[in-house]
C-alpha atoms as a PDB file:
ATOM      1  CA  MET A   1      -0.073  -0.009  -0.266  1.00  0.00           C
ATOM      2  CA  HIS A   2       1.099   3.737  -1.056  1.00  0.00           C
ATOM      3  CA  VAL A   3       1.257   6.324   1.820  1.00  0.00           C
ATOM      4  CA  TRP A   4      -1.159   8.137  -0.298  1.00  0.00           C
ATOM      5  CA  ASP A   5      -3.652   5.098  -0.155  1.00  0.00           C
ATOM      6  CA  ALA A   6      -3.421   4.818   3.759  1.00  0.00           C
ATOM      7  CA  ILE A   7      -3.940   8.793   4.357  1.00  0.00           C
ATOM      8  CA  GLN A   8      -7.229   8.020   2.156  1.00  0.00           C
ATOM      9  CA  THR A   9      -7.991   5.206   3.804  1.00  0.00           C
ATOM     10  CA  LYS A  10      -7.368   6.123   7.406  1.00  0.00           C
ATOM     11  CA  ARG A  11     -10.376   6.130   9.436  1.00  0.00           C
ATOM     12  CA  ALA A  12     -11.369   5.926  13.381  1.00  0.00           C
ATOM     13  CA  ILE A  13     -12.387   2.163  14.136  1.00  0.00           C
ATOM     14  CA  ARG A  14     -14.237   1.683  17.204  1.00  0.00           C
ATOM     15  CA  GLU A  15     -15.316  -1.807  17.184  1.00  0.00           C
ATOM     16  CA  PHE A  16     -12.957  -4.760  16.787  1.00  0.00           C
ATOM     17  CA  LYS A  17     -12.803  -8.475  16.720  1.00  0.00           C
ATOM     18  CA  ASP A  18     -12.128 -10.291  19.922  1.00  0.00           C
ATOM     19  CA  GLU A  19      -9.078 -11.695  19.181  1.00  0.00           C
ATOM     20  CA  PRO A  20      -5.234 -10.683  19.656  1.00  0.00           C
ATOM     21  CA  LEU A  21      -3.238  -8.925  17.207  1.00  0.00           C
ATOM     22  CA  SER A  22      -0.512 -11.182  16.003  1.00  0.00           C
ATOM     23  CA  GLU A  23       2.986 -10.746  17.673  1.00  0.00           C
ATOM     24  CA  GLU A  24       4.461  -9.234  13.932  1.00  0.00           C
ATOM     25  CA  HIS A  25       1.460  -6.519  13.837  1.00  0.00           C
ATOM     26  CA  VAL A  26       2.126  -5.561  17.259  1.00  0.00           C
ATOM     27  CA  GLU A  27       6.021  -5.212  16.887  1.00  0.00           C
ATOM     28  CA  ARG A  28       5.421  -3.176  13.149  1.00  0.00           C
ATOM     29  CA  ILE A  29       2.553  -1.020  15.058  1.00  0.00           C
ATOM     30  CA  LEU A  30       5.446   0.121  17.908  1.00  0.00           C
ATOM     31  CA  GLN A  31       8.338   0.253  15.413  1.00  0.00           C
ATOM     32  CA  ALA A  32       6.620   2.687  13.180  1.00  0.00           C
ATOM     33  CA  GLY A  33       6.096   5.141  16.773  1.00  0.00           C
ATOM     34  CA  ARG A  34       9.867   4.631  17.624  1.00  0.00           C
ATOM     35  CA  ARG A  35      10.769   5.306  13.586  1.00  0.00           C
ATOM     36  CA  SER A  36       8.977   8.876  13.688  1.00  0.00           C
ATOM     37  CA  GLN A  37      10.504  11.951  13.709  1.00  0.00           C
ATOM     38  CA  SER A  38      10.981  14.485  16.589  1.00  0.00           C
ATOM     39  CA  SER A  39      12.157  17.874  17.200  1.00  0.00           C
ATOM     40  CA  LYS A  40      15.619  17.928  17.387  1.00  0.00           C
ATOM     41  CA  ASN A  41      16.048  13.880  17.063  1.00  0.00           C
ATOM     42  CA  SER A  42      14.624  14.319  20.750  1.00  0.00           C
ATOM     43  CA  GLN A  43      12.314  10.718  20.420  1.00  0.00           C
ATOM     44  CA  PRO A  44      10.570  12.228  23.587  1.00  0.00           C
ATOM     45  CA  TRP A  45       7.996   9.454  23.677  1.00  0.00           C
ATOM     46  CA  HIS A  46       7.303   6.065  25.970  1.00  0.00           C
ATOM     47  CA  PHE A  47       5.359   3.510  24.843  1.00  0.00           C
ATOM     48  CA  ILE A  48       3.167   1.723  26.748  1.00  0.00           C
ATOM     49  CA  ALA A  49       1.621  -1.340  25.204  1.00  0.00           C
ATOM     50  CA  VAL A  50      -1.802  -2.671  27.206  1.00  0.00           C
ATOM     51  CA  GLN A  51      -3.017  -6.243  26.207  1.00  0.00           C
ATOM     52  CA  ASP A  52      -4.865  -7.467  29.268  1.00  0.00           C
ATOM     53  CA  LYS A  53      -8.452  -6.958  28.987  1.00  0.00           C
ATOM     54  CA  GLU A  54      -8.783  -6.024  32.493  1.00  0.00           C
ATOM     55  CA  ARG A  55      -6.378  -2.886  32.349  1.00  0.00           C
ATOM     56  CA  LEU A  56      -7.336  -2.051  28.990  1.00  0.00           C
ATOM     57  CA  GLN A  57     -11.235  -1.981  30.558  1.00  0.00           C
ATOM     58  CA  LYS A  58      -9.736   0.474  33.114  1.00  0.00           C
ATOM     59  CA  VAL A  59      -7.544   2.479  30.925  1.00  0.00           C
ATOM     60  CA  SER A  60     -11.129   3.038  29.042  1.00  0.00           C
ATOM     61  CA  GLU A  61     -12.296   4.781  32.102  1.00  0.00           C
ATOM     62  CA  LEU A  62      -9.737   7.216  32.151  1.00  0.00           C
ATOM     63  CA  GLY A  63     -11.378   9.834  29.390  1.00  0.00           C
ATOM     64  CA  ASP A  64     -14.865  10.182  27.946  1.00  0.00           C
ATOM     65  CA  TRP A  65     -15.685   8.488  24.809  1.00  0.00           C
ATOM     66  CA  MET A  66     -12.802   5.477  25.362  1.00  0.00           C
ATOM     67  CA  GLY A  67     -15.080   2.833  25.394  1.00  0.00           C
ATOM     68  CA  HIS A  68     -13.516   1.380  21.799  1.00  0.00           C
ATOM     69  CA  VAL A  69     -10.277   1.078  24.168  1.00  0.00           C
ATOM     70  CA  ALA A  70     -12.221  -1.275  26.362  1.00  0.00           C
ATOM     71  CA  GLY A  71     -12.600  -3.882  23.037  1.00  0.00           C
ATOM     72  CA  ALA A  72      -9.406  -3.096  21.380  1.00  0.00           C
ATOM     73  CA  ALA A  73      -6.459  -5.984  21.243  1.00  0.00           C
ATOM     74  CA  LEU A  74      -4.030  -3.676  22.039  1.00  0.00           C
ATOM     75  CA  CYS A  75      -3.880   0.331  23.315  1.00  0.00           C
ATOM     76  CA  ILE A  76      -0.579   2.223  23.189  1.00  0.00           C
ATOM     77  CA  VAL A  77      -0.577   5.046  25.983  1.00  0.00           C
ATOM     78  CA  ILE A  78       1.909   7.302  24.587  1.00  0.00           C
ATOM     79  CA  VAL A  79       3.885   8.803  27.610  1.00  0.00           C
ATOM     80  CA  VAL A  80       5.814  12.397  27.156  1.00  0.00           C
ATOM     81  CA  PRO A  81       8.120  14.176  29.955  1.00  0.00           C
ATOM     82  CA  GLU A  82       6.249  16.269  32.320  1.00  0.00           C
ATOM     83  CA  GLU A  83       5.556  19.682  31.880  1.00  0.00           C
ATOM     84  CA  ASN A  84       8.483  21.805  30.731  1.00  0.00           C
ATOM     85  CA  ASP A  85      10.009  24.280  27.860  1.00  0.00           C
ATOM     86  CA  ARG A  86       9.521  21.494  25.300  1.00  0.00           C
ATOM     87  CA  THR A  87       6.202  20.527  26.370  1.00  0.00           C
ATOM     88  CA  ILE A  88       4.593  21.511  23.206  1.00  0.00           C
ATOM     89  CA  TRP A  89       7.272  19.509  20.835  1.00  0.00           C
ATOM     90  CA  HIS A  90       6.844  16.874  23.437  1.00  0.00           C
ATOM     91  CA  PHE A  91       3.093  17.086  22.603  1.00  0.00           C
ATOM     92  CA  PHE A  92       3.429  17.684  18.764  1.00  0.00           C
ATOM     93  CA  ASP A  93       6.136  14.720  18.653  1.00  0.00           C
ATOM     94  CA  ALA A  94       3.855  12.432  19.981  1.00  0.00           C
ATOM     95  CA  GLY A  95       1.241  12.984  17.883  1.00  0.00           C
ATOM     96  CA  GLN A  96       4.002  12.224  14.867  1.00  0.00           C
ATOM     97  CA  SER A  97       4.580   8.782  16.555  1.00  0.00           C
ATOM     98  CA  ALA A  98       0.886   8.142  16.848  1.00  0.00           C
ATOM     99  CA  SER A  99       0.221   9.017  12.947  1.00  0.00           C
ATOM    100  CA  TYR A 100       2.682   6.797  12.097  1.00  0.00           C
ATOM    101  CA  MET A 101       1.681   4.292  13.884  1.00  0.00           C
ATOM    102  CA  GLN A 102      -1.939   4.456  12.890  1.00  0.00           C
ATOM    103  CA  LEU A 103      -0.867   4.618   9.163  1.00  0.00           C
ATOM    104  CA  ALA A 104       1.304   1.597   9.708  1.00  0.00           C
ATOM    105  CA  ALA A 105      -1.920  -0.199  11.118  1.00  0.00           C
ATOM    106  CA  VAL A 106      -3.779   0.951   7.626  1.00  0.00           C
ATOM    107  CA  GLU A 107      -1.216  -0.898   5.836  1.00  0.00           C
ATOM    108  CA  ILE A 108      -1.681  -4.276   7.742  1.00  0.00           C
ATOM    109  CA  GLY A 109      -5.730  -4.153   8.217  1.00  0.00           C
ATOM    110  CA  VAL A 110      -5.549  -3.049  11.393  1.00  0.00           C
ATOM    111  CA  GLY A 111      -7.970  -0.461  12.484  1.00  0.00           C
ATOM    112  CA  SER A 112      -7.549   2.075  15.233  1.00  0.00           C
ATOM    113  CA  CYS A 113      -8.897   5.383  17.142  1.00  0.00           C
ATOM    114  CA  LEU A 114      -7.091   8.229  19.564  1.00  0.00           C
ATOM    115  CA  GLY A 115      -8.639   8.492  22.760  1.00  0.00           C
ATOM    116  CA  THR A 116      -7.755  11.178  25.508  1.00  0.00           C
ATOM    117  CA  ILE A 117      -6.935  10.812  28.987  1.00  0.00           C
ATOM    118  CA  TYR A 118      -9.171  13.114  31.198  1.00  0.00           C
ATOM    119  CA  LYS A 119      -7.440  12.023  34.360  1.00  0.00           C
ATOM    120  CA  PRO A 120      -3.978  12.422  34.159  1.00  0.00           C
ATOM    121  CA  GLN A 121      -2.991  10.949  37.792  1.00  0.00           C
ATOM    122  CA  GLU A 122      -5.121   8.026  37.980  1.00  0.00           C
ATOM    123  CA  ALA A 123      -3.452   6.807  34.355  1.00  0.00           C
ATOM    124  CA  LYS A 124      -0.495   7.668  35.999  1.00  0.00           C
ATOM    125  CA  ASP A 125      -1.030   5.323  39.186  1.00  0.00           C
ATOM    126  CA  LEU A 126      -2.439   2.642  36.805  1.00  0.00           C
ATOM    127  CA  LEU A 127       0.280   2.197  34.612  1.00  0.00           C
ATOM    128  CA  GLY A 128       3.257   3.363  36.959  1.00  0.00           C
ATOM    129  CA  ILE A 129       4.031   6.309  34.816  1.00  0.00           C
ATOM    130  CA  PRO A 130       7.117   7.888  37.108  1.00  0.00           C
ATOM    131  CA  ASP A 131       6.259  11.564  38.134  1.00  0.00           C
ATOM    132  CA  ASP A 132       8.679  13.469  35.964  1.00  0.00           C
ATOM    133  CA  HIS A 133       6.438  12.190  32.898  1.00  0.00           C
ATOM    134  CA  GLN A 134       2.995  12.566  31.725  1.00  0.00           C
ATOM    135  CA  THR A 135       0.002  11.181  29.261  1.00  0.00           C
ATOM    136  CA  ARG A 136      -3.073  12.285  27.630  1.00  0.00           C
ATOM    137  CA  LEU A 137      -2.740  10.384  24.451  1.00  0.00           C
ATOM    138  CA  VAL A 138      -4.021   6.801  23.751  1.00  0.00           C
ATOM    139  CA  ILE A 139      -4.517   4.952  20.652  1.00  0.00           C
ATOM    140  CA  SER A 140      -6.803   1.291  20.319  1.00  0.00           C
ATOM    141  CA  PHE A 141      -6.094  -0.905  17.820  1.00  0.00           C
ATOM    142  CA  GLY A 142      -7.484  -4.499  17.017  1.00  0.00           C
ATOM    143  CA  TYR A 143      -8.931  -6.007  13.481  1.00  0.00           C
ATOM    144  CA  PRO A 144     -11.833  -4.393  12.867  1.00  0.00           C
ATOM    145  CA  VAL A 145     -15.525  -5.985  13.219  1.00  0.00           C
ATOM    146  CA  ASP A 146     -16.270  -4.388   9.739  1.00  0.00           C
ATOM    147  CA  GLU A 147     -13.783  -5.196   7.628  1.00  0.00           C
ATOM    148  CA  SER A 148     -15.243  -3.100   4.855  1.00  0.00           C
ATOM    149  CA  LYS A 149     -14.426   0.179   6.991  1.00  0.00           C
ATOM    150  CA  VAL A 150     -10.521  -0.694   5.914  1.00  0.00           C
ATOM    151  CA  GLN A 151      -8.509  -0.010   2.978  1.00  0.00           C
ATOM    152  CA  LYS A 152     -11.491   1.731   1.569  1.00  0.00           C
ATOM    153  CA  PRO A 153     -11.447   5.332   0.714  1.00  0.00           C
ATOM    154  CA  LEU A 154     -13.338   7.651   2.489  1.00  0.00           C
ATOM    155  CA  THR A 155     -16.402   9.089   1.310  1.00  0.00           C
ATOM    156  CA  ALA A 156     -18.667   9.201   4.173  1.00  0.00           C
ATOM    157  CA  TYR A 157     -17.350  11.895   5.642  1.00  0.00           C
ATOM    158  CA  LYS A 158     -16.530  14.823   3.899  1.00  0.00           C
ATOM    159  CA  ARG A 159     -13.797  17.271   4.546  1.00  0.00           C
ATOM    160  CA  ARG A 160     -13.120  20.610   3.981  1.00  0.00           C
ATOM    161  CA  ASP A 161     -11.794  21.772   0.502  1.00  0.00           C
ATOM    162  CA  LEU A 162      -8.521  22.639   0.334  1.00  0.00           C
ATOM    163  CA  ASP A 163      -9.291  26.435  -0.666  1.00  0.00           C
ATOM    164  CA  GLU A 164     -11.385  26.337   2.574  1.00  0.00           C
ATOM    165  CA  VAL A 165      -8.221  25.471   4.588  1.00  0.00           C
ATOM    166  CA  VAL A 166      -5.074  26.936   2.675  1.00  0.00           C
ATOM    167  CA  HIS A 167      -4.136  30.204   2.686  1.00  0.00           C
ATOM    168  CA  TRP A 168      -1.566  31.458   0.402  1.00  0.00           C
ATOM    169  CA  GLU A 169       1.610  33.628   1.598  1.00  0.00           C
ATOM    170  CA  THR A 170      -0.702  35.330   3.878  1.00  0.00           C
ATOM    171  CA  TRP A 171      -4.109  34.645   5.789  1.00  0.00           C
END
């Protein structure tokens, strides 16, 4: 699959089959996140790969609209250093690693969905995150219940036209 095809077919998948991901697929996804670019090659991220069903359920309760995490085969919690003068870049870099992982997943037929942690201290306690680190972002992964939603051009949800979002030279 070409990158452009993955970009055009990527969509949020919230319902997963009740089966584990293959070890090869888990490693491929994690390797994609590890290899993503980062500001000044700082690579500020750590990934907590959660596969235990009980822990997935608990992670799903750390934010609103995260029920998809409970049904996932894998949830990757992205952890970055606690707030400092590079925080904006750490979160930007975390977003890039998330994108790389999700695009790698599309290529191999794995669905994914982003989630936001609203209870960061509870996440630290549950996942053993050190005091000098934080998390706000998770990604659920799994084989989609409805496979027709993977690797098919996105047509159901219209994106704004290019001329609505691009400003040439100045606003």
